[in-house]
Amino acid sequence: MKCYDCDQNGRSDTTPIGVCSRCNLVICPEHGRVTQALVHLVRGTGKSTSDLPARRAVCLTCHAAENVG
């Protein structure tokens, strides 16, 4: 597999780090970001989020779209 953005730019020398959790395109370290994600738990009444954040990988396009405003 190749990073989508690198492939669009004619590069094939990058190593992918994962898949964007939003759009599912393959990403490399240059075109991706690893961010924290709040984990929701099904526990009935009371607190429904984990104290520890999870991590997720997103491409630069999705990262920018999520952080507008």
PDB file of N, CA and C in Angstrom:
ATOM      1  N   MET A   1       0.836  -1.180   0.000  1.00  0.00           N
ATOM      2  CA  MET A   1       0.000   0.000   0.000  1.00  0.00           C
ATOM      3  C   MET A   1       0.882   1.245   0.000  1.00  0.00           C
ATOM      4  N   LYS A   2       0.337   2.309  -0.574  1.00  0.00           N
ATOM      5  CA  LYS A   2       1.051   3.580  -0.627  1.00  0.00           C
ATOM      6  C   LYS A   2       0.182   4.674  -0.036  1.00  0.00           C
ATOM      7  N   CYS A   3       0.857   5.678   0.520  1.00  0.00           N
ATOM      8  CA  CYS A   3       0.155   6.858   1.019  1.00  0.00           C
ATOM      9  C   CYS A   3      -0.577   7.499  -0.163  1.00  0.00           C
ATOM     10  N   TYR A   4      -1.850   7.815   0.029  1.00  0.00           N
ATOM     11  CA  TYR A   4      -2.653   8.393  -1.039  1.00  0.00           C
ATOM     12  C   TYR A   4      -2.069   9.716  -1.516  1.00  0.00           C
ATOM     13  N   ASP A   5      -1.760  10.621  -0.589  1.00  0.00           N
ATOM     14  CA  ASP A   5      -1.259  11.936  -0.981  1.00  0.00           C
ATOM     15  C   ASP A   5       0.097  11.842  -1.664  1.00  0.00           C
ATOM     16  N   CYS A   6       0.973  10.969  -1.190  1.00  0.00           N
ATOM     17  CA  CYS A   6       2.272  10.784  -1.849  1.00  0.00           C
ATOM     18  C   CYS A   6       2.085  10.243  -3.262  1.00  0.00           C
ATOM     19  N   ASP A   7       1.170   9.305  -3.409  1.00  0.00           N
ATOM     20  CA  ASP A   7       0.904   8.730  -4.724  1.00  0.00           C
ATOM     21  C   ASP A   7       0.382   9.798  -5.684  1.00  0.00           C
ATOM     22  N   GLN A   8      -0.472  10.691  -5.186  1.00  0.00           N
ATOM     23  CA  GLN A   8      -0.995  11.772  -6.024  1.00  0.00           C
ATOM     24  C   GLN A   8       0.112  12.727  -6.460  1.00  0.00           C
ATOM     25  N   ASN A   9       1.174  12.835  -5.642  1.00  0.00           N
ATOM     26  CA  ASN A   9       2.309  13.702  -5.962  1.00  0.00           C
ATOM     27  C   ASN A   9       3.427  12.962  -6.694  1.00  0.00           C
ATOM     28  N   GLY A  10       3.187  11.710  -7.084  1.00  0.00           N
ATOM     29  CA  GLY A  10       4.169  10.952  -7.843  1.00  0.00           C
ATOM     30  C   GLY A  10       5.288  10.346  -7.006  1.00  0.00           C
ATOM     31  N   ARG A  11       5.122  10.317  -5.700  1.00  0.00           N
ATOM     32  CA  ARG A  11       6.142   9.729  -4.824  1.00  0.00           C
ATOM     33  C   ARG A  11       5.730   8.320  -4.432  1.00  0.00           C
ATOM     34  N   SER A  12       6.700   7.433  -4.362  1.00  0.00           N
ATOM     35  CA  SER A  12       6.405   6.069  -3.926  1.00  0.00           C
ATOM     36  C   SER A  12       7.416   5.587  -2.898  1.00  0.00           C
ATOM     37  N   ASP A  13       8.215   6.520  -2.356  1.00  0.00           N
ATOM     38  CA  ASP A  13       9.289   6.134  -1.447  1.00  0.00           C
ATOM     39  C   ASP A  13       8.918   6.262   0.025  1.00  0.00           C
ATOM     40  N   THR A  14       7.664   6.563   0.360  1.00  0.00           N
ATOM     41  CA  THR A  14       7.263   6.732   1.752  1.00  0.00           C
ATOM     42  C   THR A  14       6.679   5.441   2.318  1.00  0.00           C
ATOM     43  N   THR A  15       6.783   5.307   3.619  1.00  0.00           N
ATOM     44  CA  THR A  15       6.237   4.148   4.313  1.00  0.00           C
ATOM     45  C   THR A  15       4.955   4.557   5.021  1.00  0.00           C
ATOM     46  N   PRO A  16       3.860   3.870   4.756  1.00  0.00           N
ATOM     47  CA  PRO A  16       2.602   4.238   5.405  1.00  0.00           C
ATOM     48  C   PRO A  16       2.637   3.930   6.903  1.00  0.00           C
ATOM     49  N   ILE A  17       1.920   4.740   7.695  1.00  0.00           N
ATOM     50  CA  ILE A  17       1.822   4.504   9.134  1.00  0.00           C
ATOM     51  C   ILE A  17       0.446   4.016   9.546  1.00  0.00           C
ATOM     52  N   GLY A  18      -0.528   4.162   8.664  1.00  0.00           N
ATOM     53  CA  GLY A  18      -1.868   3.740   9.035  1.00  0.00           C
ATOM     54  C   GLY A  18      -2.905   4.156   8.026  1.00  0.00           C
ATOM     55  N   VAL A  19      -4.142   4.095   8.482  1.00  0.00           N
ATOM     56  CA  VAL A  19      -5.300   4.435   7.647  1.00  0.00           C
ATOM     57  C   VAL A  19      -6.083   5.523   8.374  1.00  0.00           C
ATOM     58  N   CYS A  20      -6.476   6.549   7.659  1.00  0.00           N
ATOM     59  CA  CYS A  20      -7.254   7.636   8.255  1.00  0.00           C
ATOM     60  C   CYS A  20      -8.555   7.062   8.834  1.00  0.00           C
ATOM     61  N   SER A  21      -8.825   7.405  10.085  1.00  0.00           N
ATOM     62  CA  SER A  21     -10.021   6.874  10.748  1.00  0.00           C
ATOM     63  C   SER A  21     -11.305   7.516  10.238  1.00  0.00           C
ATOM     64  N   ARG A  22     -11.202   8.563   9.435  1.00  0.00           N
ATOM     65  CA  ARG A  22     -12.379   9.227   8.882  1.00  0.00           C
ATOM     66  C   ARG A  22     -12.663   8.809   7.450  1.00  0.00           C
ATOM     67  N   CYS A  23     -11.666   8.943   6.557  1.00  0.00           N
ATOM     68  CA  CYS A  23     -11.909   8.688   5.130  1.00  0.00           C
ATOM     69  C   CYS A  23     -11.296   7.373   4.652  1.00  0.00           C
ATOM     70  N   ASN A  24     -10.547   6.697   5.508  1.00  0.00           N
ATOM     71  CA  ASN A  24      -9.977   5.368   5.239  1.00  0.00           C
ATOM     72  C   ASN A  24      -8.895   5.337   4.174  1.00  0.00           C
ATOM     73  N   LEU A  25      -8.266   6.485   3.873  1.00  0.00           N
ATOM     74  CA  LEU A  25      -7.139   6.490   2.944  1.00  0.00           C
ATOM     75  C   LEU A  25      -5.855   6.173   3.709  1.00  0.00           C
ATOM     76  N   VAL A  26      -4.910   5.525   3.051  1.00  0.00           N
ATOM     77  CA  VAL A  26      -3.622   5.197   3.660  1.00  0.00           C
ATOM     78  C   VAL A  26      -2.812   6.479   3.808  1.00  0.00           C
ATOM     79  N   ILE A  27      -2.136   6.645   4.963  1.00  0.00           N
ATOM     80  CA  ILE A  27      -1.367   7.856   5.234  1.00  0.00           C
ATOM     81  C   ILE A  27       0.051   7.519   5.680  1.00  0.00           C
ATOM     82  N   CYS A  28       0.967   8.448   5.407  1.00  0.00           N
ATOM     83  CA  CYS A  28       2.360   8.347   5.854  1.00  0.00           C
ATOM     84  C   CYS A  28       2.564   9.373   6.974  1.00  0.00           C
ATOM     85  N   PRO A  29       3.724   9.383   7.648  1.00  0.00           N
ATOM     86  CA  PRO A  29       3.945  10.366   8.711  1.00  0.00           C
ATOM     87  C   PRO A  29       3.837  11.822   8.238  1.00  0.00           C
ATOM     88  N   GLU A  30       4.200  12.092   7.013  1.00  0.00           N
ATOM     89  CA  GLU A  30       4.146  13.459   6.484  1.00  0.00           C
ATOM     90  C   GLU A  30       2.715  13.931   6.244  1.00  0.00           C
ATOM     91  N   HIS A  31       1.844  13.019   5.843  1.00  0.00           N
ATOM     92  CA  HIS A  31       0.476  13.388   5.475  1.00  0.00           C
ATOM     93  C   HIS A  31      -0.566  12.935   6.491  1.00  0.00           C
ATOM     94  N   GLY A  32      -0.148  12.587   7.681  1.00  0.00           N
ATOM     95  CA  GLY A  32      -1.079  12.147   8.701  1.00  0.00           C
ATOM     96  C   GLY A  32      -0.760  12.738  10.058  1.00  0.00           C
ATOM     97  N   ARG A  33      -1.709  12.676  10.952  1.00  0.00           N
ATOM     98  CA  ARG A  33      -1.540  13.112  12.326  1.00  0.00           C
ATOM     99  C   ARG A  33      -2.137  12.046  13.238  1.00  0.00           C
ATOM    100  N   VAL A  34      -1.497  11.819  14.360  1.00  0.00           N
ATOM    101  CA  VAL A  34      -2.057  10.945  15.378  1.00  0.00           C
ATOM    102  C   VAL A  34      -2.609  11.852  16.466  1.00  0.00           C
ATOM    103  N   THR A  35      -3.896  11.720  16.731  1.00  0.00           N
ATOM    104  CA  THR A  35      -4.570  12.579  17.692  1.00  0.00           C
ATOM    105  C   THR A  35      -5.201  11.736  18.796  1.00  0.00           C
ATOM    106  N   GLN A  36      -5.667  12.410  19.830  1.00  0.00           N
ATOM    107  CA  GLN A  36      -6.367  11.719  20.905  1.00  0.00           C
ATOM    108  C   GLN A  36      -7.852  11.643  20.581  1.00  0.00           C
ATOM    109  N   ALA A  37      -8.485  10.599  21.083  1.00  0.00           N
ATOM    110  CA  ALA A  37      -9.917  10.418  20.882  1.00  0.00           C
ATOM    111  C   ALA A  37     -10.562  10.060  22.208  1.00  0.00           C
ATOM    112  N   LEU A  38     -11.687  10.675  22.499  1.00  0.00           N
ATOM    113  CA  LEU A  38     -12.443  10.384  23.697  1.00  0.00           C
ATOM    114  C   LEU A  38     -13.180   9.068  23.500  1.00  0.00           C
ATOM    115  N   VAL A  39     -13.052   8.160  24.452  1.00  0.00           N
ATOM    116  CA  VAL A  39     -13.693   6.842  24.352  1.00  0.00           C
ATOM    117  C   VAL A  39     -14.988   6.855  25.158  1.00  0.00           C
ATOM    118  N   HIS A  40     -16.094   6.537  24.503  1.00  0.00           N
ATOM    119  CA  HIS A  40     -17.393   6.459  25.168  1.00  0.00           C
ATOM    120  C   HIS A  40     -17.661   5.005  25.541  1.00  0.00           C
ATOM    121  N   LEU A  41     -18.068   4.804  26.780  1.00  0.00           N
ATOM    122  CA  LEU A  41     -18.338   3.471  27.299  1.00  0.00           C
ATOM    123  C   LEU A  41     -19.830   3.328  27.583  1.00  0.00           C
ATOM    124  N   VAL A  42     -20.347   2.133  27.378  1.00  0.00           N
ATOM    125  CA  VAL A  42     -21.747   1.868  27.679  1.00  0.00           C
ATOM    126  C   VAL A  42     -21.796   1.305  29.094  1.00  0.00           C
ATOM    127  N   ARG A  43     -22.239   2.133  30.038  1.00  0.00           N
ATOM    128  CA  ARG A  43     -22.240   1.713  31.445  1.00  0.00           C
ATOM    129  C   ARG A  43     -23.509   2.118  32.175  1.00  0.00           C
ATOM    130  N   GLY A  44     -24.550   2.435  31.482  1.00  0.00           N
ATOM    131  CA  GLY A  44     -25.765   2.860  32.167  1.00  0.00           C
ATOM    132  C   GLY A  44     -25.677   4.306  32.606  1.00  0.00           C
ATOM    133  N   THR A  45     -26.134   4.590  33.839  1.00  0.00           N
ATOM    134  CA  THR A  45     -26.092   5.958  34.338  1.00  0.00           C
ATOM    135  C   THR A  45     -24.706   6.289  34.886  1.00  0.00           C
ATOM    136  N   GLY A  46     -24.414   7.561  34.999  1.00  0.00           N
ATOM    137  CA  GLY A  46     -23.122   7.988  35.521  1.00  0.00           C
ATOM    138  C   GLY A  46     -22.142   8.303  34.403  1.00  0.00           C
ATOM    139  N   LYS A  47     -20.877   8.348  34.752  1.00  0.00           N
ATOM    140  CA  LYS A  47     -19.825   8.697  33.797  1.00  0.00           C
ATOM    141  C   LYS A  47     -19.753   7.678  32.663  1.00  0.00           C
ATOM    142  N   SER A  48     -19.690   8.175  31.434  1.00  0.00           N
ATOM    143  CA  SER A  48     -19.692   7.263  30.281  1.00  0.00           C
ATOM    144  C   SER A  48     -18.475   7.446  29.382  1.00  0.00           C
ATOM    145  N   THR A  49     -17.421   8.081  29.911  1.00  0.00           N
ATOM    146  CA  THR A  49     -16.195   8.249  29.130  1.00  0.00           C
ATOM    147  C   THR A  49     -15.015   7.685  29.912  1.00  0.00           C
ATOM    148  N   SER A  50     -14.025   7.221  29.181  1.00  0.00           N
ATOM    149  CA  SER A  50     -12.821   6.676  29.787  1.00  0.00           C
ATOM    150  C   SER A  50     -11.922   7.811  30.267  1.00  0.00           C
ATOM    151  N   ASP A  51     -11.184   7.574  31.360  1.00  0.00           N
ATOM    152  CA  ASP A  51     -10.220   8.557  31.846  1.00  0.00           C
ATOM    153  C   ASP A  51      -9.003   8.626  30.935  1.00  0.00           C
ATOM    154  N   LEU A  52      -8.732   7.557  30.201  1.00  0.00           N
ATOM    155  CA  LEU A  52      -7.584   7.508  29.299  1.00  0.00           C
ATOM    156  C   LEU A  52      -8.034   7.734  27.864  1.00  0.00           C
ATOM    157  N   PRO A  53      -7.433   8.694  27.165  1.00  0.00           N
ATOM    158  CA  PRO A  53      -7.807   8.892  25.762  1.00  0.00           C
ATOM    159  C   PRO A  53      -7.186   7.809  24.877  1.00  0.00           C
ATOM    160  N   ALA A  54      -7.883   7.468  23.839  1.00  0.00           N
ATOM    161  CA  ALA A  54      -7.348   6.547  22.829  1.00  0.00           C
ATOM    162  C   ALA A  54      -6.601   7.374  21.792  1.00  0.00           C
ATOM    163  N   ARG A  55      -5.953   6.731  20.872  1.00  0.00           N
ATOM    164  CA  ARG A  55      -5.338   7.483  19.779  1.00  0.00           C
ATOM    165  C   ARG A  55      -5.937   7.022  18.461  1.00  0.00           C
ATOM    166  N   ARG A  56      -5.877   7.928  17.505  1.00  0.00           N
ATOM    167  CA  ARG A  56      -6.388   7.621  16.173  1.00  0.00           C
ATOM    168  C   ARG A  56      -5.566   8.383  15.153  1.00  0.00           C
ATOM    169  N   ALA A  57      -5.477   7.835  13.984  1.00  0.00           N
ATOM    170  CA  ALA A  57      -4.726   8.454  12.889  1.00  0.00           C
ATOM    171  C   ALA A  57      -5.721   9.099  11.930  1.00  0.00           C
ATOM    172  N   VAL A  58      -5.385  10.315  11.486  1.00  0.00           N
ATOM    173  CA  VAL A  58      -6.211  11.016  10.507  1.00  0.00           C
ATOM    174  C   VAL A  58      -5.313  11.660   9.459  1.00  0.00           C
ATOM    175  N   CYS A  59      -5.808  11.768   8.239  1.00  0.00           N
ATOM    176  CA  CYS A  59      -5.048  12.449   7.182  1.00  0.00           C
ATOM    177  C   CYS A  59      -5.119  13.955   7.414  1.00  0.00           C
ATOM    178  N   LEU A  60      -4.273  14.709   6.754  1.00  0.00           N
ATOM    179  CA  LEU A  60      -4.232  16.157   6.938  1.00  0.00           C
ATOM    180  C   LEU A  60      -5.535  16.828   6.516  1.00  0.00           C
ATOM    181  N   THR A  61      -6.180  16.306   5.490  1.00  0.00           N
ATOM    182  CA  THR A  61      -7.441  16.884   5.019  1.00  0.00           C
ATOM    183  C   THR A  61      -8.525  16.741   6.077  1.00  0.00           C
ATOM    184  N   CYS A  62      -8.671  15.557   6.638  1.00  0.00           N
ATOM    185  CA  CYS A  62      -9.692  15.327   7.667  1.00  0.00           C
ATOM    186  C   CYS A  62      -9.330  16.067   8.948  1.00  0.00           C
ATOM    187  N   HIS A  63      -8.053  16.108   9.290  1.00  0.00           N
ATOM    188  CA  HIS A  63      -7.599  16.838  10.475  1.00  0.00           C
ATOM    189  C   HIS A  63      -7.964  18.324  10.362  1.00  0.00           C
ATOM    190  N   ALA A  64      -7.733  18.905   9.202  1.00  0.00           N
ATOM    191  CA  ALA A  64      -8.066  20.311   8.972  1.00  0.00           C
ATOM    192  C   ALA A  64      -9.578  20.526   9.035  1.00  0.00           C
ATOM    193  N   ALA A  65     -10.344  19.624   8.449  1.00  0.00           N
ATOM    194  CA  ALA A  65     -11.795  19.765   8.436  1.00  0.00           C
ATOM    195  C   ALA A  65     -12.377  19.669   9.855  1.00  0.00           C
ATOM    196  N   GLU A  66     -11.795  18.841  10.705  1.00  0.00           N
ATOM    197  CA  GLU A  66     -12.271  18.684  12.079  1.00  0.00           C
ATOM    198  C   GLU A  66     -11.922  19.886  12.949  1.00  0.00           C
ATOM    199  N   ASN A  67     -10.901  20.633  12.585  1.00  0.00           N
ATOM    200  CA  ASN A  67     -10.425  21.722  13.428  1.00  0.00           C
ATOM    201  C   ASN A  67     -10.759  23.099  12.876  1.00  0.00           C
ATOM    202  N   VAL A  68     -11.764  23.202  12.042  1.00  0.00           N
ATOM    203  CA  VAL A  68     -12.205  24.485  11.504  1.00  0.00           C
ATOM    204  C   VAL A  68     -13.087  25.163  12.546  1.00  0.00           C
ATOM    205  N   GLY A  69     -12.877  26.442  12.724  1.00  0.00           N
ATOM    206  CA  GLY A  69     -13.770  27.199  13.573  1.00  0.00           C
ATOM    207  C   GLY A  69     -13.198  27.466  14.879  1.00  0.00           C
TER     208      GLY A  69
END
